[in-house]
Amino acid sequence: MERTETQNLINALKKGVVTVVFKKINTEEIRIMPCTLNPDVLEEHSVKTIIKDFNADSDHVAAWAIDKEAWRSFRLNTVISWEEGYPSGATNGEVA
C-alpha cells in the first residue's frame, strides 16, 4: 500500500469505523474487520487506550477490532481493500 493510501486509511480510522479486508498471515484466511481509532467510538466500547500518532511509513496498523472487542493489527501488504463504515449487512460490527 502506498504512503498516501496508508495515510488515507489512518485518517478514516481516526474519523470513524472502517472495514478492512485483509489476508491473515498464518492461515491465509480472508478477514473482514470492522475497526476504528476514533476516540468517541472507543469510548462507547469502554476502551481507555487511544493511539494518537501513526507513522505512514510503518508496515503495520493497529486498530480496535469492533467485532472482537480487542486491539488487532494487520500488515499493510496483506490489505485487499478497505472502506469507511461497517461491512455490508452488519449491525454495530456484527457481520450477518
N, C-alpha and C. Protein backbone atom coordinates (compact mmCIF):
# COMPACT_ATOMS: atom_id res chain seq x y z
N MET A 1 0.86 -1.16 0.00
CA MET A 1 0.00 0.00 0.00
C MET A 1 0.91 1.23 0.00
N GLU A 2 0.61 2.17 -0.86
CA GLU A 2 1.40 3.39 -0.95
C GLU A 2 1.19 4.28 0.27
N ARG A 3 2.16 5.14 0.51
CA ARG A 3 2.13 6.00 1.69
C ARG A 3 0.86 6.85 1.75
N THR A 4 0.43 7.42 0.64
CA THR A 4 -0.78 8.26 0.66
C THR A 4 -2.03 7.44 0.97
N GLU A 5 -2.08 6.22 0.45
CA GLU A 5 -3.22 5.34 0.74
C GLU A 5 -3.21 4.93 2.22
N THR A 6 -2.02 4.68 2.76
CA THR A 6 -1.90 4.36 4.18
C THR A 6 -2.39 5.53 5.03
N GLN A 7 -1.99 6.73 4.66
CA GLN A 7 -2.42 7.91 5.41
C GLN A 7 -3.93 8.09 5.31
N ASN A 8 -4.51 7.82 4.14
CA ASN A 8 -5.96 7.89 3.97
C ASN A 8 -6.67 6.89 4.88
N LEU A 9 -6.13 5.68 4.98
CA LEU A 9 -6.70 4.65 5.85
C LEU A 9 -6.62 5.10 7.31
N ILE A 10 -5.48 5.59 7.73
CA ILE A 10 -5.30 6.05 9.11
C ILE A 10 -6.27 7.19 9.42
N ASN A 11 -6.40 8.13 8.49
CA ASN A 11 -7.34 9.24 8.70
C ASN A 11 -8.78 8.75 8.82
N ALA A 12 -9.15 7.77 8.00
CA ALA A 12 -10.51 7.20 8.06
C ALA A 12 -10.72 6.48 9.39
N LEU A 13 -9.71 5.75 9.88
CA LEU A 13 -9.81 5.06 11.17
C LEU A 13 -9.98 6.06 12.31
N LYS A 14 -9.31 7.18 12.23
CA LYS A 14 -9.43 8.20 13.27
C LYS A 14 -10.79 8.89 13.22
N LYS A 15 -11.38 8.93 12.02
CA LYS A 15 -12.67 9.60 11.82
C LYS A 15 -13.85 8.75 12.28
N GLY A 16 -13.75 7.42 12.12
CA GLY A 16 -14.88 6.55 12.49
C GLY A 16 -14.56 5.10 12.26
N VAL A 17 -15.58 4.33 11.91
CA VAL A 17 -15.43 2.89 11.69
C VAL A 17 -15.01 2.65 10.23
N VAL A 18 -14.06 1.74 10.06
CA VAL A 18 -13.58 1.34 8.74
C VAL A 18 -13.61 -0.19 8.67
N THR A 19 -14.05 -0.71 7.55
CA THR A 19 -13.99 -2.16 7.32
C THR A 19 -12.76 -2.44 6.47
N VAL A 20 -11.85 -3.23 7.05
CA VAL A 20 -10.61 -3.60 6.36
C VAL A 20 -10.71 -5.07 6.00
N VAL A 21 -10.43 -5.40 4.75
CA VAL A 21 -10.39 -6.78 4.29
C VAL A 21 -8.92 -7.10 4.03
N PHE A 22 -8.42 -8.14 4.72
CA PHE A 22 -7.02 -8.50 4.55
C PHE A 22 -6.85 -10.01 4.69
N LYS A 23 -5.69 -10.48 4.27
CA LYS A 23 -5.37 -11.90 4.36
C LYS A 23 -4.53 -12.12 5.62
N LYS A 24 -4.98 -13.01 6.50
CA LYS A 24 -4.24 -13.31 7.71
C LYS A 24 -2.94 -14.02 7.35
N ILE A 25 -1.88 -13.65 8.04
CA ILE A 25 -0.54 -14.16 7.72
C ILE A 25 -0.42 -15.67 7.94
N ASN A 26 -0.85 -16.15 9.09
CA ASN A 26 -0.62 -17.56 9.45
C ASN A 26 -1.51 -18.53 8.69
N THR A 27 -2.76 -18.15 8.47
CA THR A 27 -3.72 -19.09 7.88
C THR A 27 -4.09 -18.75 6.44
N GLU A 28 -3.73 -17.54 6.01
CA GLU A 28 -4.13 -17.02 4.70
C GLU A 28 -5.65 -16.89 4.56
N GLU A 29 -6.35 -16.97 5.68
CA GLU A 29 -7.79 -16.75 5.71
C GLU A 29 -8.07 -15.28 5.43
N ILE A 30 -9.16 -15.01 4.73
CA ILE A 30 -9.57 -13.63 4.48
C ILE A 30 -10.35 -13.14 5.69
N ARG A 31 -9.93 -12.02 6.24
CA ARG A 31 -10.57 -11.45 7.43
C ARG A 31 -11.25 -10.14 7.05
N ILE A 32 -12.48 -9.99 7.44
CA ILE A 32 -13.24 -8.75 7.26
C ILE A 32 -13.38 -8.15 8.65
N MET A 33 -12.68 -7.04 8.86
CA MET A 33 -12.58 -6.49 10.21
C MET A 33 -13.10 -5.06 10.29
N PRO A 34 -14.25 -4.86 10.95
CA PRO A 34 -14.67 -3.50 11.26
C PRO A 34 -13.82 -3.00 12.42
N CYS A 35 -13.17 -1.85 12.23
CA CYS A 35 -12.24 -1.38 13.24
C CYS A 35 -12.23 0.14 13.28
N THR A 36 -11.55 0.69 14.30
CA THR A 36 -11.54 2.14 14.48
C THR A 36 -10.36 2.58 15.31
N LEU A 37 -10.07 3.87 15.20
CA LEU A 37 -9.16 4.58 16.10
C LEU A 37 -9.86 5.83 16.62
N ASN A 38 -11.15 5.95 16.36
CA ASN A 38 -11.91 7.13 16.74
C ASN A 38 -12.16 7.14 18.25
N PRO A 39 -11.74 8.21 18.94
CA PRO A 39 -11.89 8.25 20.40
C PRO A 39 -13.34 8.10 20.88
N ASP A 40 -14.30 8.66 20.16
CA ASP A 40 -15.70 8.53 20.57
C ASP A 40 -16.20 7.10 20.47
N VAL A 41 -15.84 6.42 19.40
CA VAL A 41 -16.25 5.01 19.22
C VAL A 41 -15.53 4.15 20.26
N LEU A 42 -14.26 4.42 20.50
CA LEU A 42 -13.52 3.67 21.52
C LEU A 42 -14.17 3.84 22.89
N GLU A 43 -14.57 5.06 23.20
CA GLU A 43 -15.23 5.32 24.48
C GLU A 43 -16.55 4.55 24.60
N GLU A 44 -17.30 4.45 23.50
CA GLU A 44 -18.55 3.68 23.51
C GLU A 44 -18.30 2.21 23.87
N HIS A 45 -17.09 1.73 23.56
CA HIS A 45 -16.72 0.34 23.84
C HIS A 45 -15.87 0.23 25.11
N SER A 46 -15.86 1.29 25.91
CA SER A 46 -15.13 1.35 27.18
C SER A 46 -13.63 1.12 27.02
N VAL A 47 -13.09 1.55 25.90
CA VAL A 47 -11.65 1.42 25.66
C VAL A 47 -10.98 2.69 26.16
N LYS A 48 -10.01 2.52 27.04
CA LYS A 48 -9.33 3.67 27.65
C LYS A 48 -8.07 4.07 26.88
N THR A 49 -7.44 3.14 26.18
CA THR A 49 -6.21 3.42 25.46
C THR A 49 -6.53 3.98 24.08
N ILE A 50 -5.87 5.07 23.73
CA ILE A 50 -6.08 5.69 22.43
C ILE A 50 -4.73 5.85 21.75
N ILE A 51 -4.65 5.46 20.50
CA ILE A 51 -3.44 5.65 19.71
C ILE A 51 -3.59 6.96 18.96
N LYS A 52 -2.71 7.90 19.26
CA LYS A 52 -2.84 9.24 18.68
C LYS A 52 -1.99 9.41 17.42
N ASP A 53 -0.82 8.83 17.40
CA ASP A 53 0.10 9.05 16.29
C ASP A 53 0.44 7.76 15.59
N PHE A 54 0.50 7.85 14.26
CA PHE A 54 0.90 6.72 13.43
C PHE A 54 1.92 7.21 12.42
N ASN A 55 2.84 6.36 12.10
CA ASN A 55 3.80 6.66 11.05
C ASN A 55 3.29 6.02 9.77
N ALA A 56 3.03 6.83 8.76
CA ALA A 56 2.51 6.31 7.49
C ALA A 56 3.53 5.44 6.77
N ASP A 57 4.78 5.45 7.24
CA ASP A 57 5.82 4.59 6.65
C ASP A 57 5.86 3.21 7.29
N SER A 58 5.08 3.00 8.34
CA SER A 58 5.05 1.70 9.02
C SER A 58 4.42 0.64 8.12
N ASP A 59 4.78 -0.61 8.33
CA ASP A 59 4.19 -1.69 7.55
C ASP A 59 3.02 -2.36 8.27
N HIS A 60 2.70 -1.89 9.49
CA HIS A 60 1.60 -2.42 10.29
C HIS A 60 0.67 -1.29 10.72
N VAL A 61 -0.58 -1.64 10.95
CA VAL A 61 -1.53 -0.72 11.57
C VAL A 61 -2.22 -1.47 12.71
N ALA A 62 -2.33 -0.82 13.85
CA ALA A 62 -3.09 -1.37 14.97
C ALA A 62 -4.38 -0.59 15.08
N ALA A 63 -5.48 -1.29 15.34
CA ALA A 63 -6.79 -0.65 15.47
C ALA A 63 -7.67 -1.50 16.38
N TRP A 64 -8.70 -0.89 16.94
CA TRP A 64 -9.66 -1.61 17.78
C TRP A 64 -10.62 -2.37 16.87
N ALA A 65 -10.59 -3.71 16.96
CA ALA A 65 -11.49 -4.56 16.18
C ALA A 65 -12.83 -4.61 16.92
N ILE A 66 -13.82 -3.99 16.33
CA ILE A 66 -15.12 -3.86 16.98
C ILE A 66 -15.77 -5.22 17.19
N ASP A 67 -15.66 -6.11 16.22
CA ASP A 67 -16.29 -7.43 16.35
C ASP A 67 -15.60 -8.33 17.37
N LYS A 68 -14.31 -8.12 17.61
CA LYS A 68 -13.56 -8.94 18.58
C LYS A 68 -13.41 -8.25 19.93
N GLU A 69 -13.80 -6.94 19.98
CA GLU A 69 -13.65 -6.17 21.21
C GLU A 69 -12.22 -6.25 21.75
N ALA A 70 -11.25 -6.04 20.84
CA ALA A 70 -9.84 -6.13 21.23
C ALA A 70 -8.98 -5.40 20.20
N TRP A 71 -7.79 -5.02 20.63
CA TRP A 71 -6.84 -4.43 19.69
C TRP A 71 -6.30 -5.51 18.77
N ARG A 72 -6.23 -5.20 17.50
CA ARG A 72 -5.68 -6.11 16.49
C ARG A 72 -4.78 -5.30 15.57
N SER A 73 -3.84 -5.98 14.95
CA SER A 73 -3.01 -5.30 13.95
C SER A 73 -3.00 -6.13 12.67
N PHE A 74 -2.68 -5.46 11.60
CA PHE A 74 -2.57 -6.15 10.31
C PHE A 74 -1.45 -5.50 9.52
N ARG A 75 -0.87 -6.30 8.64
CA ARG A 75 0.18 -5.80 7.77
C ARG A 75 -0.46 -5.13 6.57
N LEU A 76 0.07 -3.99 6.23
CA LEU A 76 -0.49 -3.24 5.11
C LEU A 76 -0.36 -3.97 3.78
N ASN A 77 0.68 -4.80 3.64
CA ASN A 77 0.85 -5.53 2.38
C ASN A 77 -0.12 -6.69 2.23
N THR A 78 -0.94 -6.94 3.26
CA THR A 78 -1.95 -8.00 3.16
C THR A 78 -3.36 -7.44 2.95
N VAL A 79 -3.49 -6.12 2.96
CA VAL A 79 -4.80 -5.48 2.81
C VAL A 79 -5.27 -5.65 1.37
N ILE A 80 -6.47 -6.20 1.24
CA ILE A 80 -7.10 -6.40 -0.07
C ILE A 80 -7.93 -5.16 -0.42
N SER A 81 -8.67 -4.66 0.58
CA SER A 81 -9.47 -3.46 0.37
C SER A 81 -9.87 -2.89 1.72
N TRP A 82 -10.36 -1.65 1.68
CA TRP A 82 -10.92 -1.04 2.88
C TRP A 82 -11.94 0.00 2.45
N GLU A 83 -12.92 0.21 3.34
CA GLU A 83 -13.94 1.22 3.08
C GLU A 83 -14.46 1.76 4.40
N GLU A 84 -14.89 2.99 4.37
CA GLU A 84 -15.45 3.59 5.58
C GLU A 84 -16.79 2.95 5.89
N GLY A 85 -17.04 2.72 7.18
CA GLY A 85 -18.31 2.15 7.62
C GLY A 85 -18.19 0.67 7.98
N TYR A 86 -19.31 0.16 8.45
CA TYR A 86 -19.40 -1.26 8.80
C TYR A 86 -19.53 -2.10 7.53
N PRO A 87 -19.21 -3.41 7.62
CA PRO A 87 -19.38 -4.28 6.44
C PRO A 87 -20.85 -4.31 6.01
N SER A 88 -21.08 -4.56 4.75
CA SER A 88 -22.45 -4.69 4.23
C SER A 88 -23.17 -5.77 5.02
N GLY A 89 -24.41 -5.50 5.44
CA GLY A 89 -25.21 -6.47 6.16
C GLY A 89 -24.86 -6.57 7.63
N ALA A 90 -24.04 -5.66 8.13
CA ALA A 90 -23.63 -5.73 9.54
C ALA A 90 -24.37 -4.68 10.36
N THR A 91 -24.56 -5.00 11.62
CA THR A 91 -25.15 -4.07 12.56
C THR A 91 -24.21 -3.94 13.73
N ASN A 92 -23.73 -2.73 13.97
CA ASN A 92 -22.79 -2.48 15.08
C ASN A 92 -21.60 -3.43 15.07
N GLY A 93 -21.10 -3.73 13.89
CA GLY A 93 -19.91 -4.55 13.78
C GLY A 93 -20.16 -6.04 13.72
N GLU A 94 -21.40 -6.46 13.91
CA GLU A 94 -21.73 -7.88 13.84
C GLU A 94 -22.03 -8.25 12.39
N VAL A 95 -21.19 -9.09 11.82
CA VAL A 95 -21.37 -9.49 10.44
C VAL A 95 -22.45 -10.55 10.35
N ALA A 96 -23.39 -10.34 9.45
CA ALA A 96 -24.53 -11.27 9.31
C ALA A 96 -24.10 -12.55 8.61
